[in-house]
């Protein structure tokens, strides 16, 4: 009996050691940043501008002066590419992504979650003509009413990276709240939805956009927070370089996106409907 007890104890130690080794190897794999996606094969053009409106709420006007000055470039499409960190199943994976927008209308997200720099899972997410489609390796969610609402807010939340659309789209309007906050009203189907937008009192730059958004096709709306935590200079504009998204019930960002490259006003009519980068 003593020998059996010793063997069991030894086996338990071996199993514990094996689990620790596997955990260590997995942790190391999660520290490896994947190679970037190929550069998007198009150039940026920002030839058309509109004057800054004179009837904006004070923090909004200050924000646009910090971003672009008195002349705001018209952006009809945008391609964002870079690395990311994304929490999936409780584990935060290194990732790489490409987001393609037809400004204020449609988007496609292409995301690769990686381990040891190698692709572990690919995601293609579409919001086209008011209908959403999320393609995952284990199933597809398509054109669910609550997911459509979430996708529409995703479209406009990500548009903090192409903020001129909040001025040039006639369906969008700003409403005053106070010296550092404004409401952004955006279209959704036959009605409207809205964000509460906060601005830094020192720099004037946007800090967060908050909205009530459905988390899944069966749940209730939850406060959803888009944050711009770092800004940089791109194509003569000041734009968010690091953006994150947080569900209030989770407390910390489930995804953090760093923008390495912006391409504006390229023809994305085909790319936004295909799969892959």
C-alpha atoms as a PDB file:
ATOM      1  CA  UNK A   1       0.000   0.000   0.000  1.00  0.00           C
ATOM      2  CA  UNK A   2       2.837   2.392   0.808  1.00  0.00           C
ATOM      3  CA  UNK A   3       4.374   1.707  -2.595  1.00  0.00           C
ATOM      4  CA  UNK A   4       1.044   2.397  -4.310  1.00  0.00           C
ATOM      5  CA  UNK A   5       0.699   5.629  -2.339  1.00  0.00           C
ATOM      6  CA  UNK A   6       4.196   6.726  -3.372  1.00  0.00           C
ATOM      7  CA  UNK A   7       3.445   5.928  -7.006  1.00  0.00           C
ATOM      8  CA  UNK A   8       0.237   7.956  -6.879  1.00  0.00           C
ATOM      9  CA  UNK A   9       2.064  10.883  -5.287  1.00  0.00           C
ATOM     10  CA  UNK A  10       4.815  10.655  -7.888  1.00  0.00           C
ATOM     11  CA  UNK A  11       2.265  10.515 -10.706  1.00  0.00           C
ATOM     12  CA  UNK A  12       0.517  13.584  -9.270  1.00  0.00           C
ATOM     13  CA  UNK A  13       3.834  15.471  -9.193  1.00  0.00           C
ATOM     14  CA  UNK A  14       4.543  14.480 -12.795  1.00  0.00           C
ATOM     15  CA  UNK A  15       1.088  15.659 -13.892  1.00  0.00           C
ATOM     16  CA  UNK A  16       1.506  18.956 -12.060  1.00  0.00           C
ATOM     17  CA  UNK A  17       4.923  19.451 -13.665  1.00  0.00           C
ATOM     18  CA  UNK A  18       3.488  18.630 -17.086  1.00  0.00           C
ATOM     19  CA  UNK A  19       0.652  21.120 -16.636  1.00  0.00           C
ATOM     20  CA  UNK A  20       3.137  23.801 -15.565  1.00  0.00           C
ATOM     21  CA  UNK A  21       5.346  23.112 -18.584  1.00  0.00           C
ATOM     22  CA  UNK A  22       2.373  23.285 -20.952  1.00  0.00           C
ATOM     23  CA  UNK A  23       1.220  26.526 -19.307  1.00  0.00           C
ATOM     24  CA  UNK A  24       4.726  27.999 -19.594  1.00  0.00           C
ATOM     25  CA  UNK A  25       5.038  27.020 -23.254  1.00  0.00           C
ATOM     26  CA  UNK A  26       1.591  28.479 -23.965  1.00  0.00           C
ATOM     27  CA  UNK A  27       2.490  31.713 -22.175  1.00  0.00           C
ATOM     28  CA  UNK A  28       5.670  32.011 -24.234  1.00  0.00           C
ATOM     29  CA  UNK A  29       3.659  31.469 -27.423  1.00  0.00           C
ATOM     30  CA  UNK A  30       1.292  34.270 -26.434  1.00  0.00           C
ATOM     31  CA  UNK A  31       4.196  36.723 -26.158  1.00  0.00           C
ATOM     32  CA  UNK A  32       5.229  36.317 -29.808  1.00  0.00           C
ATOM     33  CA  UNK A  33       4.018  39.167 -32.026  1.00  0.00           C
ATOM     34  CA  UNK A  34       2.967  37.980 -35.498  1.00  0.00           C
ATOM     35  CA  UNK A  35       4.433  39.449 -38.664  1.00  0.00           C
ATOM     36  CA  UNK A  36       2.304  42.291 -40.055  1.00  0.00           C
ATOM     37  CA  UNK A  37      -0.222  41.729 -42.804  1.00  0.00           C
ATOM     38  CA  UNK A  38       0.881  42.797 -46.293  1.00  0.00           C
ATOM     39  CA  UNK A  39       0.646  46.504 -47.005  1.00  0.00           C
ATOM     40  CA  UNK A  40      -2.689  47.411 -48.538  1.00  0.00           C
ATOM     41  CA  UNK A  41      -2.021  48.010 -52.252  1.00  0.00           C
ATOM     42  CA  UNK A  42      -3.357  51.542 -52.633  1.00  0.00           C
ATOM     43  CA  UNK A  43      -2.403  55.135 -51.897  1.00  0.00           C
ATOM     44  CA  UNK A  44      -4.146  57.758 -49.817  1.00  0.00           C
ATOM     45  CA  UNK A  45      -5.729  60.791 -51.444  1.00  0.00           C
ATOM     46  CA  UNK A  46      -7.167  63.641 -49.384  1.00  0.00           C
ATOM     47  CA  UNK A  47      -7.837  66.219 -52.073  1.00  0.00           C
ATOM     48  CA  UNK A  48     -11.359  67.283 -51.130  1.00  0.00           C
ATOM     49  CA  UNK A  49     -12.064  69.293 -47.976  1.00  0.00           C
ATOM     50  CA  UNK A  50     -14.984  71.013 -46.294  1.00  0.00           C
ATOM     51  CA  UNK A  51     -14.798  73.993 -43.935  1.00  0.00           C
ATOM     52  CA  UNK A  52     -15.227  73.382 -40.221  1.00  0.00           C
ATOM     53  CA  UNK A  53     -18.891  74.159 -39.418  1.00  0.00           C
ATOM     54  CA  UNK A  54     -19.432  77.151 -37.155  1.00  0.00           C
ATOM     55  CA  UNK A  55     -22.343  75.647 -35.183  1.00  0.00           C
ATOM     56  CA  UNK A  56     -20.595  72.707 -33.467  1.00  0.00           C
ATOM     57  CA  UNK A  57     -20.649  72.259 -29.693  1.00  0.00           C
ATOM     58  CA  UNK A  58     -17.506  73.818 -28.204  1.00  0.00           C
ATOM     59  CA  UNK A  59     -15.616  70.593 -27.337  1.00  0.00           C
ATOM     60  CA  UNK A  60     -16.396  69.150 -30.784  1.00  0.00           C
ATOM     61  CA  UNK A  61     -15.088  72.211 -32.610  1.00  0.00           C
ATOM     62  CA  UNK A  62     -11.951  72.145 -30.452  1.00  0.00           C
ATOM     63  CA  UNK A  63     -11.477  68.460 -31.286  1.00  0.00           C
ATOM     64  CA  UNK A  64     -11.641  68.997 -35.041  1.00  0.00           C
ATOM     65  CA  UNK A  65      -9.222  71.908 -34.865  1.00  0.00           C
ATOM     66  CA  UNK A  66      -6.786  69.601 -33.043  1.00  0.00           C
ATOM     67  CA  UNK A  67      -7.298  66.855 -35.655  1.00  0.00           C
ATOM     68  CA  UNK A  68      -7.249  68.837 -38.891  1.00  0.00           C
ATOM     69  CA  UNK A  69      -7.592  72.587 -38.410  1.00  0.00           C
ATOM     70  CA  UNK A  70     -10.253  74.662 -40.148  1.00  0.00           C
ATOM     71  CA  UNK A  71     -10.437  72.488 -43.308  1.00  0.00           C
ATOM     72  CA  UNK A  72     -11.690  68.953 -42.817  1.00  0.00           C
ATOM     73  CA  UNK A  73     -10.730  66.339 -45.440  1.00  0.00           C
ATOM     74  CA  UNK A  74     -13.548  64.283 -46.916  1.00  0.00           C
ATOM     75  CA  UNK A  75     -12.979  60.570 -46.254  1.00  0.00           C
ATOM     76  CA  UNK A  76     -15.118  58.149 -48.234  1.00  0.00           C
ATOM     77  CA  UNK A  77     -13.213  54.958 -47.429  1.00  0.00           C
ATOM     78  CA  UNK A  78     -10.583  53.807 -44.958  1.00  0.00           C
ATOM     79  CA  UNK A  79      -8.319  50.796 -44.497  1.00  0.00           C
ATOM     80  CA  UNK A  80      -6.739  50.276 -41.068  1.00  0.00           C
ATOM     81  CA  UNK A  81      -4.010  47.678 -40.590  1.00  0.00           C
ATOM     82  CA  UNK A  82      -1.916  46.679 -37.599  1.00  0.00           C
ATOM     83  CA  UNK A  83      -1.352  44.392 -34.606  1.00  0.00           C
ATOM     84  CA  UNK A  84      -3.852  43.736 -31.844  1.00  0.00           C
ATOM     85  CA  UNK A  85      -4.406  41.983 -28.530  1.00  0.00           C
ATOM     86  CA  UNK A  86      -7.734  40.159 -28.251  1.00  0.00           C
ATOM     87  CA  UNK A  87      -9.267  38.212 -25.380  1.00  0.00           C
ATOM     88  CA  UNK A  88     -11.011  35.043 -26.506  1.00  0.00           C
ATOM     89  CA  UNK A  89     -12.221  32.332 -24.125  1.00  0.00           C
ATOM     90  CA  UNK A  90     -10.539  34.169 -21.255  1.00  0.00           C
ATOM     91  CA  UNK A  91      -7.122  34.130 -22.973  1.00  0.00           C
ATOM     92  CA  UNK A  92      -5.570  37.221 -24.541  1.00  0.00           C
ATOM     93  CA  UNK A  93      -4.037  36.377 -27.919  1.00  0.00           C
ATOM     94  CA  UNK A  94      -1.691  38.404 -30.093  1.00  0.00           C
ATOM     95  CA  UNK A  95      -3.424  39.164 -33.369  1.00  0.00           C
ATOM     96  CA  UNK A  96      -3.176  41.076 -36.614  1.00  0.00           C
ATOM     97  CA  UNK A  97      -6.060  42.750 -38.375  1.00  0.00           C
ATOM     98  CA  UNK A  98      -7.296  44.737 -41.324  1.00  0.00           C
ATOM     99  CA  UNK A  99     -10.478  46.826 -41.089  1.00  0.00           C
ATOM    100  CA  UNK A 100     -12.003  48.142 -44.318  1.00  0.00           C
ATOM    101  CA  UNK A 101     -14.679  50.850 -44.226  1.00  0.00           C
ATOM    102  CA  UNK A 102     -16.924  52.447 -46.783  1.00  0.00           C
ATOM    103  CA  UNK A 103     -17.340  55.473 -44.558  1.00  0.00           C
ATOM    104  CA  UNK A 104     -20.626  55.516 -42.681  1.00  0.00           C
ATOM    105  CA  UNK A 105     -22.028  52.629 -44.743  1.00  0.00           C
ATOM    106  CA  UNK A 106     -20.258  49.271 -44.595  1.00  0.00           C
ATOM    107  CA  UNK A 107     -17.274  47.503 -43.106  1.00  0.00           C
ATOM    108  CA  UNK A 108     -15.330  44.271 -43.144  1.00  0.00           C
ATOM    109  CA  UNK A 109     -13.094  43.062 -40.340  1.00  0.00           C
ATOM    110  CA  UNK A 110     -10.391  40.526 -41.048  1.00  0.00           C
ATOM    111  CA  UNK A 111      -8.611  39.228 -37.920  1.00  0.00           C
ATOM    112  CA  UNK A 112      -6.052  36.491 -37.308  1.00  0.00           C
ATOM    113  CA  UNK A 113      -5.479  35.265 -33.754  1.00  0.00           C
ATOM    114  CA  UNK A 114      -1.990  33.805 -33.411  1.00  0.00           C
ATOM    115  CA  UNK A 115       0.207  31.618 -31.210  1.00  0.00           C
ATOM    116  CA  UNK A 116       4.003  31.588 -31.599  1.00  0.00           C
ATOM    117  CA  UNK A 117       3.388  34.054 -34.445  1.00  0.00           C
ATOM    118  CA  UNK A 118       1.376  31.485 -36.398  1.00  0.00           C
ATOM    119  CA  UNK A 119      -2.275  31.842 -37.334  1.00  0.00           C
ATOM    120  CA  UNK A 120      -4.520  29.986 -34.918  1.00  0.00           C
ATOM    121  CA  UNK A 121      -7.922  31.288 -36.006  1.00  0.00           C
ATOM    122  CA  UNK A 122      -9.246  33.557 -38.764  1.00  0.00           C
ATOM    123  CA  UNK A 123     -12.285  35.796 -38.459  1.00  0.00           C
ATOM    124  CA  UNK A 124     -14.179  37.531 -41.268  1.00  0.00           C
ATOM    125  CA  UNK A 125     -16.870  39.886 -40.028  1.00  0.00           C
ATOM    126  CA  UNK A 126     -19.072  41.866 -42.403  1.00  0.00           C
ATOM    127  CA  UNK A 127     -21.582  44.662 -42.011  1.00  0.00           C
ATOM    128  CA  UNK A 128     -22.913  45.320 -45.500  1.00  0.00           C
ATOM    129  CA  UNK A 129     -26.110  47.099 -46.492  1.00  0.00           C
ATOM    130  CA  UNK A 130     -27.375  47.022 -42.904  1.00  0.00           C
ATOM    131  CA  UNK A 131     -26.866  43.267 -42.463  1.00  0.00           C
ATOM    132  CA  UNK A 132     -24.197  41.657 -40.287  1.00  0.00           C
ATOM    133  CA  UNK A 133     -22.363  38.387 -40.832  1.00  0.00           C
ATOM    134  CA  UNK A 134     -19.764  36.993 -38.435  1.00  0.00           C
ATOM    135  CA  UNK A 135     -17.830  33.999 -39.714  1.00  0.00           C
ATOM    136  CA  UNK A 136     -15.926  31.984 -37.084  1.00  0.00           C
ATOM    137  CA  UNK A 137     -14.308  28.541 -37.403  1.00  0.00           C
ATOM    138  CA  UNK A 138     -17.065  27.037 -35.271  1.00  0.00           C
ATOM    139  CA  UNK A 139     -20.069  28.719 -36.840  1.00  0.00           C
ATOM    140  CA  UNK A 140     -21.642  31.736 -38.512  1.00  0.00           C
ATOM    141  CA  UNK A 141     -23.983  34.364 -37.083  1.00  0.00           C
ATOM    142  CA  UNK A 142     -25.879  36.243 -39.766  1.00  0.00           C
ATOM    143  CA  UNK A 143     -28.439  39.052 -39.905  1.00  0.00           C
ATOM    144  CA  UNK A 144     -29.671  38.802 -36.313  1.00  0.00           C
ATOM    145  CA  UNK A 145     -31.531  42.003 -35.330  1.00  0.00           C
ATOM    146  CA  UNK A 146     -29.550  42.602 -32.125  1.00  0.00           C
ATOM    147  CA  UNK A 147     -26.271  41.801 -33.845  1.00  0.00           C
ATOM    148  CA  UNK A 148     -27.169  44.268 -36.587  1.00  0.00           C
ATOM    149  CA  UNK A 149     -27.589  46.992 -33.952  1.00  0.00           C
ATOM    150  CA  UNK A 150     -24.247  46.041 -32.436  1.00  0.00           C
ATOM    151  CA  UNK A 151     -22.554  46.051 -35.826  1.00  0.00           C
ATOM    152  CA  UNK A 152     -23.971  49.476 -36.680  1.00  0.00           C
ATOM    153  CA  UNK A 153     -22.549  50.902 -33.448  1.00  0.00           C
ATOM    154  CA  UNK A 154     -19.287  49.146 -34.273  1.00  0.00           C
ATOM    155  CA  UNK A 155     -19.243  50.918 -37.634  1.00  0.00           C
ATOM    156  CA  UNK A 156     -19.654  54.327 -36.042  1.00  0.00           C
ATOM    157  CA  UNK A 157     -17.432  53.618 -33.032  1.00  0.00           C
ATOM    158  CA  UNK A 158     -14.537  52.630 -35.271  1.00  0.00           C
ATOM    159  CA  UNK A 159     -15.149  55.765 -37.277  1.00  0.00           C
ATOM    160  CA  UNK A 160     -13.262  57.690 -34.588  1.00  0.00           C
ATOM    161  CA  UNK A 161     -10.344  56.698 -36.856  1.00  0.00           C
ATOM    162  CA  UNK A 162     -11.927  58.620 -39.759  1.00  0.00           C
ATOM    163  CA  UNK A 163     -13.641  61.372 -37.763  1.00  0.00           C
ATOM    164  CA  UNK A 164     -14.503  63.656 -40.674  1.00  0.00           C
ATOM    165  CA  UNK A 165     -17.437  61.324 -41.428  1.00  0.00           C
ATOM    166  CA  UNK A 166     -19.103  62.710 -38.283  1.00  0.00           C
ATOM    167  CA  UNK A 167     -19.258  66.070 -40.085  1.00  0.00           C
ATOM    168  CA  UNK A 168     -19.708  65.159 -43.740  1.00  0.00           C
ATOM    169  CA  UNK A 169     -22.510  62.569 -43.389  1.00  0.00           C
ATOM    170  CA  UNK A 170     -25.816  64.521 -43.347  1.00  0.00           C
ATOM    171  CA  UNK A 171     -27.462  61.790 -41.248  1.00  0.00           C
ATOM    172  CA  UNK A 172     -25.105  62.462 -38.325  1.00  0.00           C
ATOM    173  CA  UNK A 173     -25.371  65.318 -35.858  1.00  0.00           C
ATOM    174  CA  UNK A 174     -23.658  66.560 -32.699  1.00  0.00           C
ATOM    175  CA  UNK A 175     -25.593  67.752 -29.631  1.00  0.00           C
ATOM    176  CA  UNK A 176     -24.092  69.793 -26.793  1.00  0.00           C
ATOM    177  CA  UNK A 177     -23.807  68.374 -23.257  1.00  0.00           C
ATOM    178  CA  UNK A 178     -21.035  70.290 -21.469  1.00  0.00           C
ATOM    179  CA  UNK A 179     -17.488  71.640 -21.909  1.00  0.00           C
ATOM    180  CA  UNK A 180     -15.895  68.201 -22.384  1.00  0.00           C
ATOM    181  CA  UNK A 181     -18.792  66.010 -23.505  1.00  0.00           C
ATOM    182  CA  UNK A 182     -21.149  65.850 -26.470  1.00  0.00           C
ATOM    183  CA  UNK A 183     -23.738  63.479 -27.869  1.00  0.00           C
ATOM    184  CA  UNK A 184     -23.168  61.977 -31.300  1.00  0.00           C
ATOM    185  CA  UNK A 185     -26.383  60.884 -33.023  1.00  0.00           C
ATOM    186  CA  UNK A 186     -25.958  58.328 -35.824  1.00  0.00           C
ATOM    187  CA  UNK A 187     -28.392  56.574 -38.177  1.00  0.00           C
ATOM    188  CA  UNK A 188     -29.628  53.037 -37.600  1.00  0.00           C
ATOM    189  CA  UNK A 189     -32.147  51.437 -39.959  1.00  0.00           C
ATOM    190  CA  UNK A 190     -35.212  53.724 -39.978  1.00  0.00           C
ATOM    191  CA  UNK A 191     -34.232  55.455 -36.755  1.00  0.00           C
ATOM    192  CA  UNK A 192     -31.226  56.635 -34.796  1.00  0.00           C
ATOM    193  CA  UNK A 193     -28.751  55.552 -32.150  1.00  0.00           C
ATOM    194  CA  UNK A 194     -26.274  57.612 -30.150  1.00  0.00           C
ATOM    195  CA  UNK A 195     -22.938  57.819 -28.361  1.00  0.00           C
ATOM    196  CA  UNK A 196     -21.829  59.929 -25.440  1.00  0.00           C
ATOM    197  CA  UNK A 197     -18.425  61.278 -26.470  1.00  0.00           C
ATOM    198  CA  UNK A 198     -15.819  62.536 -24.008  1.00  0.00           C
ATOM    199  CA  UNK A 199     -12.912  64.846 -24.851  1.00  0.00           C
ATOM    200  CA  UNK A 200      -9.647  65.498 -23.033  1.00  0.00           C
ATOM    201  CA  UNK A 201      -9.863  68.916 -21.321  1.00  0.00           C
ATOM    202  CA  UNK A 202      -6.179  69.619 -22.019  1.00  0.00           C
ATOM    203  CA  UNK A 203      -5.586  68.374 -25.564  1.00  0.00           C
ATOM    204  CA  UNK A 204      -9.141  68.578 -26.862  1.00  0.00           C
ATOM    205  CA  UNK A 205      -8.777  65.106 -28.375  1.00  0.00           C
ATOM    206  CA  UNK A 206     -11.474  62.468 -28.131  1.00  0.00           C
ATOM    207  CA  UNK A 207     -10.960  60.014 -25.271  1.00  0.00           C
ATOM    208  CA  UNK A 208     -14.010  57.714 -25.239  1.00  0.00           C
ATOM    209  CA  UNK A 209     -17.232  56.986 -27.076  1.00  0.00           C
ATOM    210  CA  UNK A 210     -19.888  55.166 -25.039  1.00  0.00           C
ATOM    211  CA  UNK A 211     -23.143  53.554 -26.153  1.00  0.00           C
ATOM    212  CA  UNK A 212     -25.653  50.942 -25.074  1.00  0.00           C
ATOM    213  CA  UNK A 213     -24.974  47.957 -27.326  1.00  0.00           C
ATOM    214  CA  UNK A 214     -26.155  44.373 -27.559  1.00  0.00           C
ATOM    215  CA  UNK A 215     -23.378  41.971 -26.615  1.00  0.00           C
ATOM    216  CA  UNK A 216     -24.926  38.967 -28.376  1.00  0.00           C
ATOM    217  CA  UNK A 217     -28.034  37.934 -30.254  1.00  0.00           C
ATOM    218  CA  UNK A 218     -29.973  36.897 -27.122  1.00  0.00           C
ATOM    219  CA  UNK A 219     -28.821  39.305 -24.412  1.00  0.00           C
ATOM    220  CA  UNK A 220     -29.671  42.810 -23.279  1.00  0.00           C
ATOM    221  CA  UNK A 221     -27.879  46.050 -24.047  1.00  0.00           C
ATOM    222  CA  UNK A 222     -24.700  46.709 -22.073  1.00  0.00           C
ATOM    223  CA  UNK A 223     -22.609  49.856 -21.839  1.00  0.00           C
ATOM    224  CA  UNK A 224     -19.902  49.597 -24.491  1.00  0.00           C
ATOM    225  CA  UNK A 225     -16.844  51.824 -24.427  1.00  0.00           C
ATOM    226  CA  UNK A 226     -14.487  52.697 -27.293  1.00  0.00           C
ATOM    227  CA  UNK A 227     -11.303  54.403 -26.112  1.00  0.00           C
ATOM    228  CA  UNK A 228      -8.591  56.234 -28.028  1.00  0.00           C
ATOM    229  CA  UNK A 229      -5.590  55.981 -25.706  1.00  0.00           C
ATOM    230  CA  UNK A 230      -2.849  57.194 -28.049  1.00  0.00           C
ATOM    231  CA  UNK A 231      -2.860  59.575 -31.010  1.00  0.00           C
ATOM    232  CA  UNK A 232      -0.381  60.023 -33.843  1.00  0.00           C
ATOM    233  CA  UNK A 233       0.208  61.896 -37.087  1.00  0.00           C
ATOM    234  CA  UNK A 234      -0.973  60.231 -40.308  1.00  0.00           C
ATOM    235  CA  UNK A 235      -1.314  61.914 -43.710  1.00  0.00           C
ATOM    236  CA  UNK A 236      -1.187  65.346 -42.085  1.00  0.00           C
ATOM    237  CA  UNK A 237      -3.992  64.520 -39.633  1.00  0.00           C
ATOM    238  CA  UNK A 238      -3.960  63.690 -35.931  1.00  0.00           C
ATOM    239  CA  UNK A 239      -5.653  60.301 -35.634  1.00  0.00           C
ATOM    240  CA  UNK A 240      -5.993  57.561 -33.015  1.00  0.00           C
ATOM    241  CA  UNK A 241      -3.055  55.164 -33.063  1.00  0.00           C
ATOM    242  CA  UNK A 242      -4.216  52.895 -30.217  1.00  0.00           C
ATOM    243  CA  UNK A 243      -7.904  52.088 -29.720  1.00  0.00           C
ATOM    244  CA  UNK A 244      -9.585  49.665 -27.350  1.00  0.00           C
ATOM    245  CA  UNK A 245     -13.091  48.327 -26.730  1.00  0.00           C
ATOM    246  CA  UNK A 246     -14.542  47.353 -23.354  1.00  0.00           C
ATOM    247  CA  UNK A 247     -17.819  45.835 -22.193  1.00  0.00           C
ATOM    248  CA  UNK A 248     -18.801  47.389 -18.866  1.00  0.00           C
ATOM    249  CA  UNK A 249     -19.513  44.002 -17.252  1.00  0.00           C
ATOM    250  CA  UNK A 250     -15.974  42.810 -18.088  1.00  0.00           C
ATOM    251  CA  UNK A 251     -14.225  45.888 -16.739  1.00  0.00           C
ATOM    252  CA  UNK A 252     -11.112  45.716 -18.937  1.00  0.00           C
ATOM    253  CA  UNK A 253     -10.627  45.954 -22.709  1.00  0.00           C
ATOM    254  CA  UNK A 254     -11.263  42.719 -24.549  1.00  0.00           C
ATOM    255  CA  UNK A 255      -9.488  44.073 -27.634  1.00  0.00           C
ATOM    256  CA  UNK A 256      -6.737  46.637 -28.190  1.00  0.00           C
ATOM    257  CA  UNK A 257      -5.926  47.686 -31.758  1.00  0.00           C
ATOM    258  CA  UNK A 258      -2.787  49.546 -32.813  1.00  0.00           C
ATOM    259  CA  UNK A 259      -2.913  51.246 -36.207  1.00  0.00           C
ATOM    260  CA  UNK A 260       0.328  50.963 -38.174  1.00  0.00           C
ATOM    261  CA  UNK A 261      -1.123  52.102 -41.478  1.00  0.00           C
ATOM    262  CA  UNK A 262      -4.081  54.140 -42.721  1.00  0.00           C
ATOM    263  CA  UNK A 263      -5.174  54.242 -46.359  1.00  0.00           C
ATOM    264  CA  UNK A 264      -7.914  56.743 -47.187  1.00  0.00           C
ATOM    265  CA  UNK A 265     -10.150  57.110 -50.240  1.00  0.00           C
ATOM    266  CA  UNK A 266      -8.972  54.000 -52.062  1.00  0.00           C
ATOM    267  CA  UNK A 267     -11.449  51.947 -54.077  1.00  0.00           C
ATOM    268  CA  UNK A 268     -12.516  49.249 -51.584  1.00  0.00           C
ATOM    269  CA  UNK A 269     -15.719  48.161 -53.326  1.00  0.00           C
ATOM    270  CA  UNK A 270     -14.349  44.671 -54.044  1.00  0.00           C
ATOM    271  CA  UNK A 271     -12.060  44.256 -51.050  1.00  0.00           C
ATOM    272  CA  UNK A 272     -14.842  44.942 -48.569  1.00  0.00           C
ATOM    273  CA  UNK A 273     -16.797  41.938 -49.860  1.00  0.00           C
ATOM    274  CA  UNK A 274     -14.085  39.323 -50.139  1.00  0.00           C
ATOM    275  CA  UNK A 275     -12.412  37.080 -47.551  1.00  0.00           C
ATOM    276  CA  UNK A 276      -8.878  37.348 -46.214  1.00  0.00           C
ATOM    277  CA  UNK A 277      -6.542  40.318 -45.884  1.00  0.00           C
END
